[in-house]
Amino acid sequence: MNKKMSVEEVKAFFRSMECSTYVMSRENPQKYNEYLLADVSKQTEILWKEERLLECFEEIKQRTIKAENWLVFNKMYDLVISIKNDRSINIMLDSLKILFDDLKENERIIISETIIGRMHRSQRSGLIYLSYDMGLKSYSELFAVISLKLLDIRTDDMKLITRTNNAKRNFDEIIQELGINPNAK
């Protein structure tokens, strides 16, 4: 018989599983079932995700990131795609402004891929599509400008060159599809 978790236990479990019910169900199905019994509302989950997003942003602002920059940024993206509000999009833009000059070449590519999207274009993943689909075309344009700058990499590493060229090709297709002109900014 599953026991009922306290609100504190429910929140702690949710946060320990990257604020993801998918991760919960995959990593600890029994405890996930207990989580389901707590009947947490989607609104509460969004609030907890917003709290976690702000904590990540604070790590970036204070330069106290314990993981690699790209990893924290990608965790933030995972939160933002379910939060889907203007404030979370602004936090991502502000994070990019802070991180930009400190990024290594491979991080620049990884973060640019997060902005452009990692899935097939039909899935409309990435911050450019997300902001565009939220009706925030000007944000899409800002993400496009930043992504283009991130992809301006000078390296002899063939893996990075190939990855950058693939990202640029995807980028070009997306901005053409959405009618975005990053060079106008």
C-alpha atoms as a PDB file:
ATOM      1  CA  MET A   1       0.000   0.000   0.000  1.00  0.00           C
ATOM      2  CA  ASN A   2       1.383   3.387  -0.981  1.00  0.00           C
ATOM      3  CA  LYS A   3       1.623   5.987   1.767  1.00  0.00           C
ATOM      4  CA  LYS A   4       0.545   9.568   1.257  1.00  0.00           C
ATOM      5  CA  MET A   5       3.461  11.954   0.874  1.00  0.00           C
ATOM      6  CA  SER A   6       3.551  15.322   2.610  1.00  0.00           C
ATOM      7  CA  VAL A   7       3.590  18.474   0.476  1.00  0.00           C
ATOM      8  CA  GLU A   8       7.266  18.954   1.356  1.00  0.00           C
ATOM      9  CA  GLU A   9       8.089  15.391   0.296  1.00  0.00           C
ATOM     10  CA  VAL A  10       6.129  15.762  -2.925  1.00  0.00           C
ATOM     11  CA  LYS A  11       7.900  18.995  -3.827  1.00  0.00           C
ATOM     12  CA  ALA A  12      11.321  17.607  -2.905  1.00  0.00           C
ATOM     13  CA  PHE A  13      10.739  14.519  -5.062  1.00  0.00           C
ATOM     14  CA  PHE A  14       9.488  16.625  -7.977  1.00  0.00           C
ATOM     15  CA  ARG A  15      12.558  18.870  -7.807  1.00  0.00           C
ATOM     16  CA  SER A  16      14.976  15.963  -7.362  1.00  0.00           C
ATOM     17  CA  MET A  17      13.599  14.487 -10.591  1.00  0.00           C
ATOM     18  CA  GLU A  18      14.358  17.613 -12.654  1.00  0.00           C
ATOM     19  CA  CYS A  19      10.766  18.862 -12.234  1.00  0.00           C
ATOM     20  CA  SER A  20       9.709  16.203 -14.722  1.00  0.00           C
ATOM     21  CA  THR A  21       6.965  13.655 -14.290  1.00  0.00           C
ATOM     22  CA  TYR A  22       8.583  11.676 -17.105  1.00  0.00           C
ATOM     23  CA  VAL A  23      11.866  11.438 -15.179  1.00  0.00           C
ATOM     24  CA  MET A  24       9.933  10.514 -12.025  1.00  0.00           C
ATOM     25  CA  SER A  25       8.071   7.693 -13.744  1.00  0.00           C
ATOM     26  CA  ARG A  26      11.246   6.404 -15.381  1.00  0.00           C
ATOM     27  CA  GLU A  27      13.599   6.646 -12.405  1.00  0.00           C
ATOM     28  CA  ASN A  28      11.331   5.733  -9.513  1.00  0.00           C
ATOM     29  CA  PRO A  29       7.951   4.329 -10.604  1.00  0.00           C
ATOM     30  CA  GLN A  30       6.862   3.396  -7.078  1.00  0.00           C
ATOM     31  CA  LYS A  31       7.515   6.851  -5.682  1.00  0.00           C
ATOM     32  CA  TYR A  32       5.947   8.353  -8.797  1.00  0.00           C
ATOM     33  CA  ASN A  33       2.743   6.488  -7.964  1.00  0.00           C
ATOM     34  CA  GLU A  34       2.895   8.035  -4.491  1.00  0.00           C
ATOM     35  CA  TYR A  35       3.385  11.420  -6.142  1.00  0.00           C
ATOM     36  CA  LEU A  36       0.253  10.840  -8.241  1.00  0.00           C
ATOM     37  CA  LEU A  37      -1.741  10.112  -5.084  1.00  0.00           C
ATOM     38  CA  ALA A  38      -0.832  13.597  -3.849  1.00  0.00           C
ATOM     39  CA  ASP A  39      -2.863  14.978  -6.772  1.00  0.00           C
ATOM     40  CA  VAL A  40      -0.554  17.934  -7.451  1.00  0.00           C
ATOM     41  CA  SER A  41      -2.165  20.424  -9.802  1.00  0.00           C
ATOM     42  CA  LYS A  42      -0.478  21.438 -13.043  1.00  0.00           C
ATOM     43  CA  GLN A  43      -0.497  25.024 -11.744  1.00  0.00           C
ATOM     44  CA  THR A  44       1.489  23.959  -8.658  1.00  0.00           C
ATOM     45  CA  GLU A  45       3.963  22.085 -10.850  1.00  0.00           C
ATOM     46  CA  ILE A  46       4.388  25.236 -12.979  1.00  0.00           C
ATOM     47  CA  LEU A  47       5.041  27.290  -9.830  1.00  0.00           C
ATOM     48  CA  TRP A  48       7.698  24.808  -8.712  1.00  0.00           C
ATOM     49  CA  LYS A  49       9.268  24.887 -12.168  1.00  0.00           C
ATOM     50  CA  GLU A  50       9.325  28.693 -12.079  1.00  0.00           C
ATOM     51  CA  GLU A  51      11.072  28.559  -8.684  1.00  0.00           C
ATOM     52  CA  ARG A  52      13.684  26.186 -10.101  1.00  0.00           C
ATOM     53  CA  LEU A  53      14.136  28.375 -13.191  1.00  0.00           C
ATOM     54  CA  LEU A  54      14.782  31.404 -10.986  1.00  0.00           C
ATOM     55  CA  GLU A  55      17.306  29.427  -8.926  1.00  0.00           C
ATOM     56  CA  CYS A  56      19.193  28.456 -12.089  1.00  0.00           C
ATOM     57  CA  PHE A  57      19.103  32.059 -13.270  1.00  0.00           C
ATOM     58  CA  GLU A  58      20.451  33.207  -9.927  1.00  0.00           C
ATOM     59  CA  GLU A  59      23.342  30.725 -10.298  1.00  0.00           C
ATOM     60  CA  ILE A  60      24.113  32.264 -13.678  1.00  0.00           C
ATOM     61  CA  LYS A  61      23.894  35.839 -12.368  1.00  0.00           C
ATOM     62  CA  GLN A  62      26.075  35.070  -9.343  1.00  0.00           C
ATOM     63  CA  ARG A  63      28.451  32.932 -11.411  1.00  0.00           C
ATOM     64  CA  THR A  64      28.003  30.052  -8.973  1.00  0.00           C
ATOM     65  CA  ILE A  65      27.221  27.417 -11.587  1.00  0.00           C
ATOM     66  CA  LYS A  66      28.618  24.076 -10.492  1.00  0.00           C
ATOM     67  CA  ALA A  67      27.917  22.369 -13.824  1.00  0.00           C
ATOM     68  CA  GLU A  68      28.915  23.478 -17.306  1.00  0.00           C
ATOM     69  CA  ASN A  69      27.151  26.586 -18.616  1.00  0.00           C
ATOM     70  CA  TRP A  70      25.379  24.726 -21.405  1.00  0.00           C
ATOM     71  CA  LEU A  71      24.031  22.112 -19.015  1.00  0.00           C
ATOM     72  CA  VAL A  72      22.410  24.710 -16.765  1.00  0.00           C
ATOM     73  CA  PHE A  73      21.026  26.541 -19.806  1.00  0.00           C
ATOM     74  CA  ASN A  74      19.543  23.323 -21.199  1.00  0.00           C
ATOM     75  CA  LYS A  75      17.954  22.492 -17.836  1.00  0.00           C
ATOM     76  CA  MET A  76      16.399  25.944 -17.882  1.00  0.00           C
ATOM     77  CA  TYR A  77      15.110  25.328 -21.405  1.00  0.00           C
ATOM     78  CA  ASP A  78      13.477  22.090 -20.252  1.00  0.00           C
ATOM     79  CA  LEU A  79      11.628  24.101 -17.602  1.00  0.00           C
ATOM     80  CA  VAL A  80      10.674  26.937 -19.957  1.00  0.00           C
ATOM     81  CA  ILE A  81       9.061  24.680 -22.549  1.00  0.00           C
ATOM     82  CA  SER A  82       6.426  23.703 -20.009  1.00  0.00           C
ATOM     83  CA  ILE A  83       6.133  27.075 -18.238  1.00  0.00           C
ATOM     84  CA  LYS A  84       5.580  28.968 -21.515  1.00  0.00           C
ATOM     85  CA  ASN A  85       5.230  32.541 -20.349  1.00  0.00           C
ATOM     86  CA  ASP A  86       6.866  35.857 -21.257  1.00  0.00           C
ATOM     87  CA  ARG A  87       8.787  36.013 -17.992  1.00  0.00           C
ATOM     88  CA  SER A  88      10.484  32.662 -18.570  1.00  0.00           C
ATOM     89  CA  ILE A  89      11.438  33.692 -22.116  1.00  0.00           C
ATOM     90  CA  ASN A  90      12.945  36.910 -20.737  1.00  0.00           C
ATOM     91  CA  ILE A  91      14.952  34.910 -18.211  1.00  0.00           C
ATOM     92  CA  MET A  92      16.422  32.825 -21.035  1.00  0.00           C
ATOM     93  CA  LEU A  93      17.396  35.968 -22.958  1.00  0.00           C
ATOM     94  CA  ASP A  94      18.936  37.526 -19.847  1.00  0.00           C
ATOM     95  CA  SER A  95      20.842  34.296 -19.173  1.00  0.00           C
ATOM     96  CA  LEU A  96      22.286  34.353 -22.678  1.00  0.00           C
ATOM     97  CA  LYS A  97      23.444  37.945 -22.234  1.00  0.00           C
ATOM     98  CA  ILE A  98      25.302  36.982 -19.054  1.00  0.00           C
ATOM     99  CA  LEU A  99      26.775  33.725 -20.378  1.00  0.00           C
ATOM    100  CA  PHE A 100      27.663  34.816 -23.904  1.00  0.00           C
ATOM    101  CA  ASP A 101      31.257  35.960 -23.405  1.00  0.00           C
ATOM    102  CA  ASP A 102      32.182  33.057 -21.117  1.00  0.00           C
ATOM    103  CA  LEU A 103      31.144  30.244 -23.424  1.00  0.00           C
ATOM    104  CA  LYS A 104      33.649  27.801 -24.874  1.00  0.00           C
ATOM    105  CA  GLU A 105      33.315  26.871 -28.552  1.00  0.00           C
ATOM    106  CA  ASN A 106      31.496  23.599 -27.873  1.00  0.00           C
ATOM    107  CA  GLU A 107      29.139  25.354 -25.438  1.00  0.00           C
ATOM    108  CA  ARG A 108      28.342  27.992 -28.044  1.00  0.00           C
ATOM    109  CA  ILE A 109      27.245  25.269 -30.441  1.00  0.00           C
ATOM    110  CA  ILE A 110      25.248  23.340 -27.843  1.00  0.00           C
ATOM    111  CA  ILE A 111      23.396  26.443 -26.678  1.00  0.00           C
ATOM    112  CA  SER A 112      22.782  27.526 -30.250  1.00  0.00           C
ATOM    113  CA  GLU A 113      21.273  24.101 -30.943  1.00  0.00           C
ATOM    114  CA  THR A 114      18.983  24.611 -27.948  1.00  0.00           C
ATOM    115  CA  ILE A 115      17.868  27.936 -29.388  1.00  0.00           C
ATOM    116  CA  ILE A 116      17.418  26.525 -32.903  1.00  0.00           C
ATOM    117  CA  GLY A 117      15.901  23.221 -31.778  1.00  0.00           C
ATOM    118  CA  ARG A 118      17.244  19.693 -31.527  1.00  0.00           C
ATOM    119  CA  MET A 119      14.321  17.829 -33.056  1.00  0.00           C
ATOM    120  CA  HIS A 120      13.056  17.669 -36.599  1.00  0.00           C
ATOM    121  CA  ARG A 121      11.604  21.022 -37.634  1.00  0.00           C
ATOM    122  CA  SER A 122       8.097  19.560 -37.729  1.00  0.00           C
ATOM    123  CA  GLN A 123       8.365  19.227 -33.914  1.00  0.00           C
ATOM    124  CA  ARG A 124       9.004  22.992 -33.561  1.00  0.00           C
ATOM    125  CA  SER A 125      11.488  22.611 -30.711  1.00  0.00           C
ATOM    126  CA  GLY A 126      13.906  25.300 -29.578  1.00  0.00           C
ATOM    127  CA  LEU A 127      13.534  28.823 -28.267  1.00  0.00           C
ATOM    128  CA  ILE A 128      13.025  30.408 -31.689  1.00  0.00           C
ATOM    129  CA  TYR A 129       9.950  28.289 -32.370  1.00  0.00           C
ATOM    130  CA  LEU A 130       8.713  28.461 -28.770  1.00  0.00           C
ATOM    131  CA  SER A 131       8.698  32.242 -28.628  1.00  0.00           C
ATOM    132  CA  TYR A 132       7.274  32.493 -32.152  1.00  0.00           C
ATOM    133  CA  ASP A 133       4.454  30.068 -31.337  1.00  0.00           C
ATOM    134  CA  MET A 134       3.698  32.076 -28.182  1.00  0.00           C
ATOM    135  CA  GLY A 135       3.131  35.115 -30.402  1.00  0.00           C
ATOM    136  CA  LEU A 136       6.449  36.697 -29.427  1.00  0.00           C
ATOM    137  CA  LYS A 137       8.024  37.153 -32.863  1.00  0.00           C
ATOM    138  CA  SER A 138      10.360  39.896 -31.625  1.00  0.00           C
ATOM    139  CA  TYR A 139      11.790  37.405 -29.102  1.00  0.00           C
ATOM    140  CA  SER A 140      12.229  34.859 -31.875  1.00  0.00           C
ATOM    141  CA  GLU A 141      14.217  37.465 -33.768  1.00  0.00           C
ATOM    142  CA  LEU A 142      16.398  38.159 -30.711  1.00  0.00           C
ATOM    143  CA  PHE A 143      17.054  34.435 -30.245  1.00  0.00           C
ATOM    144  CA  ALA A 144      17.931  34.205 -33.941  1.00  0.00           C
ATOM    145  CA  VAL A 145      20.432  37.065 -33.636  1.00  0.00           C
ATOM    146  CA  ILE A 146      22.056  35.483 -30.585  1.00  0.00           C
ATOM    147  CA  SER A 147      22.160  32.069 -32.220  1.00  0.00           C
ATOM    148  CA  LEU A 148      23.821  33.481 -35.311  1.00  0.00           C
ATOM    149  CA  LYS A 149      26.475  35.147 -33.135  1.00  0.00           C
ATOM    150  CA  LEU A 150      26.992  31.933 -31.166  1.00  0.00           C
ATOM    151  CA  LEU A 151      27.612  30.047 -34.400  1.00  0.00           C
ATOM    152  CA  ASP A 152      30.369  32.453 -35.425  1.00  0.00           C
ATOM    153  CA  ILE A 153      33.112  30.039 -34.402  1.00  0.00           C
ATOM    154  CA  ARG A 154      36.684  29.842 -35.570  1.00  0.00           C
ATOM    155  CA  THR A 155      38.106  26.382 -35.056  1.00  0.00           C
ATOM    156  CA  ASP A 156      40.094  23.648 -36.761  1.00  0.00           C
ATOM    157  CA  ASP A 157      38.161  20.903 -34.971  1.00  0.00           C
ATOM    158  CA  MET A 158      36.301  19.043 -37.750  1.00  0.00           C
ATOM    159  CA  LYS A 159      33.606  17.720 -35.396  1.00  0.00           C
ATOM    160  CA  LEU A 160      32.796  21.260 -34.266  1.00  0.00           C
ATOM    161  CA  ILE A 161      32.887  22.543 -37.841  1.00  0.00           C
ATOM    162  CA  THR A 162      30.449  19.828 -38.991  1.00  0.00           C
ATOM    163  CA  ARG A 163      28.146  20.425 -36.040  1.00  0.00           C
ATOM    164  CA  THR A 164      28.233  24.194 -36.628  1.00  0.00           C
ATOM    165  CA  ASN A 165      27.452  23.786 -40.323  1.00  0.00           C
ATOM    166  CA  ASN A 166      24.494  21.509 -39.506  1.00  0.00           C
ATOM    167  CA  ALA A 167      23.195  24.046 -36.988  1.00  0.00           C
ATOM    168  CA  LYS A 168      23.589  26.874 -39.519  1.00  0.00           C
ATOM    169  CA  ARG A 169      21.665  24.886 -42.129  1.00  0.00           C
ATOM    170  CA  ASN A 170      18.813  24.248 -39.676  1.00  0.00           C
ATOM    171  CA  PHE A 171      18.922  27.887 -38.622  1.00  0.00           C
ATOM    172  CA  ASP A 172      18.627  29.107 -42.218  1.00  0.00           C
ATOM    173  CA  GLU A 173      15.624  26.856 -42.860  1.00  0.00           C
ATOM    174  CA  ILE A 174      13.843  27.999 -39.696  1.00  0.00           C
ATOM    175  CA  ILE A 175      14.317  31.721 -40.215  1.00  0.00           C
ATOM    176  CA  GLN A 176      13.172  31.377 -43.805  1.00  0.00           C
ATOM    177  CA  GLU A 177      10.097  29.425 -42.720  1.00  0.00           C
ATOM    178  CA  LEU A 178       9.195  31.957 -40.008  1.00  0.00           C
ATOM    179  CA  GLY A 179      10.100  35.043 -42.016  1.00  0.00           C
ATOM    180  CA  ILE A 180      12.686  36.191 -39.497  1.00  0.00           C
ATOM    181  CA  ASN A 181      15.584  38.426 -40.536  1.00  0.00           C
ATOM    182  CA  PRO A 182      18.283  38.324 -37.832  1.00  0.00           C
ATOM    183  CA  ASN A 183      20.474  40.678 -39.852  1.00  0.00           C
ATOM    184  CA  ALA A 184      17.879  43.452 -39.445  1.00  0.00           C
ATOM    185  CA  LYS A 185      18.480  43.624 -35.664  1.00  0.00           C
END
